[in-house]
N, C-alpha and C. Protein backbone atom coordinates (compact mmCIF):
# COMPACT_ATOMS: atom_id res chain seq x y z
N MET A 1 -5.11 -3.81 12.70
CA MET A 1 -4.97 -5.10 13.31
C MET A 1 -6.03 -5.91 13.99
N THR A 2 -6.77 -5.10 14.80
CA THR A 2 -7.88 -5.64 15.46
C THR A 2 -8.97 -6.33 14.55
N HIS A 3 -9.33 -5.42 13.58
CA HIS A 3 -10.24 -5.87 12.65
C HIS A 3 -9.90 -7.39 11.90
N PHE A 4 -8.49 -7.47 11.48
CA PHE A 4 -8.28 -8.69 11.05
C PHE A 4 -8.12 -9.88 11.87
N ILE A 5 -7.92 -9.68 13.17
CA ILE A 5 -7.98 -10.70 14.28
C ILE A 5 -9.41 -11.04 14.42
N LEU A 6 -10.13 -10.13 14.39
CA LEU A 6 -11.71 -10.30 14.38
C LEU A 6 -12.30 -11.09 13.49
N ASN A 7 -11.73 -10.67 12.15
CA ASN A 7 -12.17 -11.27 10.90
C ASN A 7 -11.82 -12.55 11.09
N TRP A 8 -10.47 -12.86 11.34
CA TRP A 8 -9.80 -14.31 11.40
C TRP A 8 -10.77 -15.23 12.46
N ALA A 9 -11.07 -14.61 13.60
CA ALA A 9 -11.77 -15.37 14.44
C ALA A 9 -13.37 -15.81 13.89
N VAL A 10 -13.83 -15.04 13.25
CA VAL A 10 -15.18 -15.18 12.58
C VAL A 10 -15.01 -16.38 11.43
N ILE A 11 -13.89 -16.11 10.64
CA ILE A 11 -13.60 -17.18 9.68
C ILE A 11 -13.51 -18.53 10.27
N VAL A 12 -12.63 -18.63 11.60
CA VAL A 12 -12.59 -19.92 12.07
C VAL A 12 -13.72 -20.54 12.61
N VAL A 13 -14.58 -19.66 13.22
CA VAL A 13 -16.27 -19.96 13.70
C VAL A 13 -16.82 -20.41 12.63
N ALA A 14 -16.91 -19.69 11.38
CA ALA A 14 -17.59 -20.21 10.22
C ALA A 14 -17.17 -21.42 9.76
N VAL A 15 -15.84 -21.84 9.63
CA VAL A 15 -15.47 -22.94 9.23
C VAL A 15 -15.75 -24.31 9.94
N PHE A 16 -15.65 -23.93 11.51
CA PHE A 16 -16.24 -24.96 12.25
C PHE A 16 -17.84 -25.33 12.05
N ILE A 17 -18.46 -24.30 11.70
CA ILE A 17 -19.94 -24.39 11.44
C ILE A 17 -20.10 -25.30 10.11
N ALA A 18 -19.42 -24.83 8.85
CA ALA A 18 -19.47 -25.16 7.66
C ALA A 18 -19.03 -26.97 7.93
N ALA A 19 -18.18 -27.07 8.59
CA ALA A 19 -17.66 -28.48 8.83
C ALA A 19 -18.56 -29.35 9.65
N ALA A 20 -19.51 -28.83 10.44
CA ALA A 20 -20.44 -29.50 11.31
C ALA A 20 -21.69 -29.67 10.18
N LEU A 21 -21.96 -28.80 9.35
CA LEU A 21 -23.00 -29.06 8.37
C LEU A 21 -22.52 -29.64 7.09
N LEU A 22 -21.54 -29.74 6.55
CA LEU A 22 -21.10 -30.45 5.35
C LEU A 22 -20.13 -31.54 5.66
N PRO A 23 -20.61 -32.70 5.00
CA PRO A 23 -19.74 -33.99 5.38
C PRO A 23 -18.52 -34.00 4.78
N GLY A 24 -18.29 -33.34 3.38
CA GLY A 24 -17.31 -33.20 2.53
C GLY A 24 -16.29 -32.22 2.97
N LEU A 25 -16.27 -31.63 4.18
CA LEU A 25 -15.46 -30.62 4.69
C LEU A 25 -14.97 -31.18 6.00
N THR A 26 -13.70 -31.68 5.98
CA THR A 26 -13.10 -32.17 7.25
C THR A 26 -11.85 -31.48 7.82
N TYR A 27 -11.37 -31.67 8.80
CA TYR A 27 -10.06 -31.25 9.40
C TYR A 27 -9.50 -32.06 10.52
N ALA A 28 -8.20 -32.07 10.81
CA ALA A 28 -7.69 -32.96 11.42
C ALA A 28 -7.48 -32.70 12.98
N SER A 29 -7.48 -31.29 13.21
CA SER A 29 -7.33 -30.67 14.50
C SER A 29 -7.79 -29.27 14.59
N THR A 30 -8.01 -28.60 15.71
CA THR A 30 -8.23 -27.34 15.83
C THR A 30 -7.25 -26.31 15.17
N ALA A 31 -6.05 -26.75 15.51
CA ALA A 31 -5.04 -25.99 15.03
C ALA A 31 -4.90 -26.02 13.31
N ASP A 32 -5.49 -26.99 12.65
CA ASP A 32 -5.45 -27.00 11.35
C ASP A 32 -6.49 -25.67 10.86
N VAL A 33 -7.65 -25.73 11.40
CA VAL A 33 -8.80 -24.87 11.35
C VAL A 33 -7.92 -23.40 11.63
N LEU A 34 -7.43 -23.23 12.69
CA LEU A 34 -6.97 -21.78 12.90
C LEU A 34 -5.90 -21.40 11.85
N VAL A 35 -5.15 -22.10 11.15
CA VAL A 35 -3.93 -21.87 10.31
C VAL A 35 -4.90 -21.76 8.94
N PHE A 36 -5.75 -22.68 8.83
CA PHE A 36 -6.52 -22.29 7.45
C PHE A 36 -7.59 -21.09 7.60
N GLY A 37 -7.85 -20.68 8.87
CA GLY A 37 -8.58 -19.37 8.79
C GLY A 37 -7.67 -18.11 8.67
N LEU A 38 -6.45 -18.41 9.16
CA LEU A 38 -5.25 -17.31 8.69
C LEU A 38 -4.84 -17.34 7.19
N ILE A 39 -4.85 -18.38 6.59
CA ILE A 39 -4.53 -18.38 5.06
C ILE A 39 -5.82 -17.99 4.20
N LEU A 40 -6.87 -18.42 4.58
CA LEU A 40 -8.18 -17.83 3.98
C LEU A 40 -8.23 -16.50 4.12
N GLY A 41 -8.15 -15.88 5.31
CA GLY A 41 -8.13 -14.35 5.78
C GLY A 41 -7.31 -13.71 4.78
N LEU A 42 -5.90 -14.14 4.67
CA LEU A 42 -5.08 -13.64 3.85
C LEU A 42 -5.06 -13.42 2.39
N LEU A 43 -5.78 -14.61 2.06
CA LEU A 43 -6.14 -14.67 0.26
C LEU A 43 -7.28 -13.82 0.33
N ASN A 44 -8.40 -13.82 1.29
CA ASN A 44 -9.33 -12.65 0.89
C ASN A 44 -8.84 -11.19 1.01
N ALA A 45 -7.93 -11.07 1.87
CA ALA A 45 -7.33 -9.85 2.03
C ALA A 45 -6.56 -9.10 0.69
N PHE A 46 -5.81 -10.27 0.11
CA PHE A 46 -4.63 -9.76 -0.73
C PHE A 46 -5.02 -10.34 -2.15
N VAL A 47 -5.65 -11.44 -2.23
CA VAL A 47 -5.68 -12.03 -3.53
C VAL A 47 -7.08 -11.74 -4.19
N ALA A 48 -8.17 -11.92 -3.40
CA ALA A 48 -9.42 -11.57 -3.85
C ALA A 48 -9.70 -10.47 -4.62
N PRO A 49 -9.38 -9.18 -3.87
CA PRO A 49 -9.51 -7.99 -4.55
C PRO A 49 -8.78 -7.83 -6.09
N ILE A 50 -7.74 -8.54 -6.25
CA ILE A 50 -7.15 -8.66 -7.61
C ILE A 50 -7.91 -9.59 -8.34
N LEU A 51 -8.33 -10.51 -8.09
CA LEU A 51 -9.39 -11.39 -8.83
C LEU A 51 -10.49 -10.91 -9.11
N ARG A 52 -11.17 -10.11 -8.34
CA ARG A 52 -12.39 -9.41 -8.29
C ARG A 52 -12.35 -8.32 -9.49
N LEU A 53 -11.23 -7.66 -9.31
CA LEU A 53 -10.87 -6.53 -10.56
C LEU A 53 -10.66 -7.30 -11.97
N LEU A 54 -9.97 -8.41 -11.92
CA LEU A 54 -9.63 -8.90 -13.12
C LEU A 54 -10.92 -9.84 -13.89
N THR A 55 -11.76 -10.10 -13.05
CA THR A 55 -12.98 -10.79 -13.55
C THR A 55 -14.19 -9.88 -13.41
N LEU A 56 -14.02 -8.52 -13.53
CA LEU A 56 -14.89 -7.53 -13.48
C LEU A 56 -15.97 -7.79 -14.75
N PRO A 57 -15.44 -7.89 -15.87
CA PRO A 57 -16.58 -8.18 -17.06
C PRO A 57 -17.28 -9.45 -16.96
N ILE A 58 -16.81 -10.30 -16.25
CA ILE A 58 -17.63 -11.61 -16.27
C ILE A 58 -18.41 -11.36 -15.03
N ARG A 59 -18.12 -10.86 -14.02
CA ARG A 59 -18.85 -10.60 -12.97
C ARG A 59 -20.08 -9.65 -13.32
N LEU A 60 -20.01 -8.75 -14.26
CA LEU A 60 -20.95 -7.96 -14.73
C LEU A 60 -22.03 -8.56 -15.48
N LEU A 61 -21.35 -9.50 -16.50
CA LEU A 61 -22.42 -10.37 -17.14
C LEU A 61 -23.16 -11.33 -16.23
N THR A 62 -22.71 -11.85 -15.32
CA THR A 62 -23.20 -12.76 -14.51
C THR A 62 -24.20 -12.19 -13.23
N PHE A 63 -24.03 -10.75 -13.29
CA PHE A 63 -24.85 -10.14 -12.30
C PHE A 63 -24.25 -10.38 -10.93
N GLY A 64 -22.82 -10.50 -10.75
CA GLY A 64 -22.39 -10.63 -9.74
C GLY A 64 -22.16 -12.38 -9.18
N LEU A 65 -22.67 -13.10 -9.81
CA LEU A 65 -22.74 -14.50 -9.25
C LEU A 65 -21.17 -15.10 -9.50
N PHE A 66 -20.76 -14.80 -10.60
CA PHE A 66 -19.12 -15.18 -10.38
C PHE A 66 -18.32 -14.85 -9.08
N THR A 67 -18.84 -14.05 -8.25
CA THR A 67 -18.12 -13.91 -7.15
C THR A 67 -18.18 -15.29 -6.23
N LEU A 68 -19.13 -15.96 -6.32
CA LEU A 68 -19.32 -17.20 -5.78
C LEU A 68 -18.14 -18.20 -6.14
N ILE A 69 -17.79 -18.28 -7.27
CA ILE A 69 -16.92 -19.01 -7.88
C ILE A 69 -15.68 -18.69 -7.48
N ILE A 70 -15.22 -17.23 -7.36
CA ILE A 70 -14.06 -16.87 -6.77
C ILE A 70 -14.01 -17.30 -5.30
N ASN A 71 -14.91 -17.12 -4.36
CA ASN A 71 -14.84 -17.32 -3.06
C ASN A 71 -14.87 -18.63 -2.88
N ALA A 72 -15.35 -19.77 -3.82
CA ALA A 72 -15.36 -20.97 -3.52
C ALA A 72 -13.70 -21.58 -4.09
N SER A 73 -13.18 -20.87 -5.16
CA SER A 73 -11.84 -21.11 -5.37
C SER A 73 -10.95 -20.62 -4.50
N LEU A 74 -10.97 -19.78 -3.79
CA LEU A 74 -10.12 -19.36 -2.71
C LEU A 74 -10.08 -20.33 -1.56
N PHE A 75 -11.52 -20.66 -1.21
CA PHE A 75 -11.50 -21.57 -0.13
C PHE A 75 -10.90 -23.12 -0.56
N TRP A 76 -11.24 -23.43 -1.58
CA TRP A 76 -10.52 -24.44 -2.12
C TRP A 76 -9.01 -24.60 -2.00
N PHE A 77 -8.30 -23.36 -2.57
CA PHE A 77 -7.11 -23.26 -2.71
C PHE A 77 -6.48 -22.98 -1.32
N ALA A 78 -7.20 -22.38 -0.31
CA ALA A 78 -6.63 -22.31 1.14
C ALA A 78 -6.50 -23.64 1.78
N ALA A 79 -7.62 -24.60 1.29
CA ALA A 79 -7.52 -26.20 1.69
C ALA A 79 -6.28 -26.64 1.06
N ILE A 80 -5.98 -26.36 -0.03
CA ILE A 80 -4.86 -27.11 -0.48
C ILE A 80 -3.66 -26.62 0.18
N LEU A 81 -3.59 -25.38 0.28
CA LEU A 81 -2.12 -24.83 0.99
C LEU A 81 -2.16 -25.28 2.41
N GLU A 82 -3.27 -25.18 3.23
CA GLU A 82 -3.15 -25.81 4.33
C GLU A 82 -2.83 -27.36 4.48
N GLY A 83 -3.39 -28.09 3.75
CA GLY A 83 -3.04 -29.35 3.64
C GLY A 83 -3.95 -30.44 4.58
N ASN A 84 -4.21 -30.09 5.79
CA ASN A 84 -4.73 -31.04 6.66
C ASN A 84 -6.38 -30.57 6.81
N VAL A 85 -7.00 -29.75 6.00
CA VAL A 85 -8.38 -29.32 5.85
C VAL A 85 -8.72 -29.72 4.68
N ARG A 86 -9.68 -30.97 4.53
CA ARG A 86 -9.94 -31.60 3.30
C ARG A 86 -11.46 -31.10 2.84
N VAL A 87 -11.28 -30.68 1.52
CA VAL A 87 -12.53 -30.14 0.68
C VAL A 87 -12.91 -31.36 -0.19
N ALA A 88 -14.01 -32.04 -0.22
CA ALA A 88 -14.31 -33.27 -1.10
C ALA A 88 -14.49 -32.75 -2.57
N GLY A 89 -14.88 -31.67 -2.94
CA GLY A 89 -15.02 -31.30 -4.34
C GLY A 89 -15.42 -29.81 -4.30
N PHE A 90 -15.63 -29.36 -5.66
CA PHE A 90 -15.81 -28.03 -5.70
C PHE A 90 -17.10 -27.59 -5.13
N LEU A 91 -18.03 -28.45 -5.17
CA LEU A 91 -19.43 -28.19 -4.89
C LEU A 91 -19.47 -27.81 -3.01
N THR A 92 -18.67 -28.72 -2.63
CA THR A 92 -18.43 -28.59 -1.06
C THR A 92 -17.74 -27.23 -0.78
N ALA A 93 -16.63 -26.84 -1.78
CA ALA A 93 -16.11 -25.54 -1.51
C ALA A 93 -17.08 -24.41 -1.77
N LEU A 94 -17.87 -24.57 -2.48
CA LEU A 94 -18.76 -23.41 -2.79
C LEU A 94 -19.93 -23.47 -1.67
N LEU A 95 -20.42 -24.53 -1.14
CA LEU A 95 -21.26 -24.43 -0.17
C LEU A 95 -20.67 -24.08 0.99
N ALA A 96 -19.44 -24.47 1.39
CA ALA A 96 -18.65 -23.98 2.52
C ALA A 96 -18.32 -22.43 2.51
N ALA A 97 -18.01 -22.06 1.20
CA ALA A 97 -17.85 -20.35 0.97
C ALA A 97 -19.15 -19.69 1.24
N LEU A 98 -20.42 -20.21 0.79
CA LEU A 98 -21.64 -19.76 1.25
C LEU A 98 -21.70 -19.58 2.75
N ILE A 99 -21.40 -20.62 3.25
CA ILE A 99 -21.70 -20.65 4.88
C ILE A 99 -20.64 -19.41 5.63
N VAL A 100 -19.46 -19.59 5.09
CA VAL A 100 -18.35 -18.68 5.57
C VAL A 100 -19.04 -17.17 5.38
N SER A 101 -19.45 -17.04 4.31
CA SER A 101 -19.77 -15.47 3.78
C SER A 101 -21.07 -15.23 4.75
N ALA A 102 -22.10 -16.07 4.88
CA ALA A 102 -23.23 -15.79 5.66
C ALA A 102 -22.86 -15.63 7.18
N VAL A 103 -22.17 -16.40 7.64
CA VAL A 103 -21.78 -16.29 8.95
C VAL A 103 -20.83 -14.99 9.18
N ASN A 104 -19.94 -14.70 8.13
CA ASN A 104 -19.42 -13.31 8.12
C ASN A 104 -20.42 -11.97 8.12
N VAL A 105 -21.24 -12.15 7.48
CA VAL A 105 -22.50 -11.00 7.28
C VAL A 105 -22.90 -11.09 8.62
N VAL A 106 -23.34 -12.02 9.15
CA VAL A 106 -24.24 -12.15 10.53
C VAL A 106 -23.34 -11.63 11.89
N PHE A 107 -22.13 -12.05 11.55
CA PHE A 107 -21.12 -11.57 12.85
C PHE A 107 -20.85 -9.90 12.54
N GLY A 108 -20.90 -9.54 11.22
CA GLY A 108 -20.57 -8.25 10.96
C GLY A 108 -21.62 -7.42 11.21
N ARG A 109 -22.93 -7.68 11.23
CA ARG A 109 -23.97 -6.87 11.54
C ARG A 109 -24.02 -7.00 13.26
N LEU A 110 -23.63 -8.13 13.91
CA LEU A 110 -23.63 -7.84 15.14
C LEU A 110 -22.63 -6.98 15.85
N PHE A 111 -21.42 -7.01 15.12
CA PHE A 111 -20.28 -6.19 15.75
C PHE A 111 -20.18 -4.65 15.35
N LYS A 112 -21.13 -4.46 14.07
CA LYS A 112 -21.24 -3.32 13.77
C LYS A 112 -21.97 -2.16 14.76
N GLY A 113 -23.01 -2.76 15.21
CA GLY A 113 -23.86 -2.07 16.33
C GLY A 113 -23.27 -2.01 17.64
């Protein structure tokens, strides 16, 4: 449970960073980003492994780059589910997913040690 809460907090911080860097990613309030982070965390925990398994042949053919499409799609879908977090387009979702992944890697390395 602690791991999920820590991961949720990292996602929320990463979304704030992505929103500051990307003009196409907007939110109405901090509470919206908190809910968005929860939705994205749940999607990453339960839906992403299934999608990664189902798209294994495509991911092998693209040397794993199709994972970026999966992450962007989940980011965009989480924004649709939350409603008050707006993503201007798929490119914005892709860049935001990259930023969230990068921040997640950095925080993961910081908390690992």
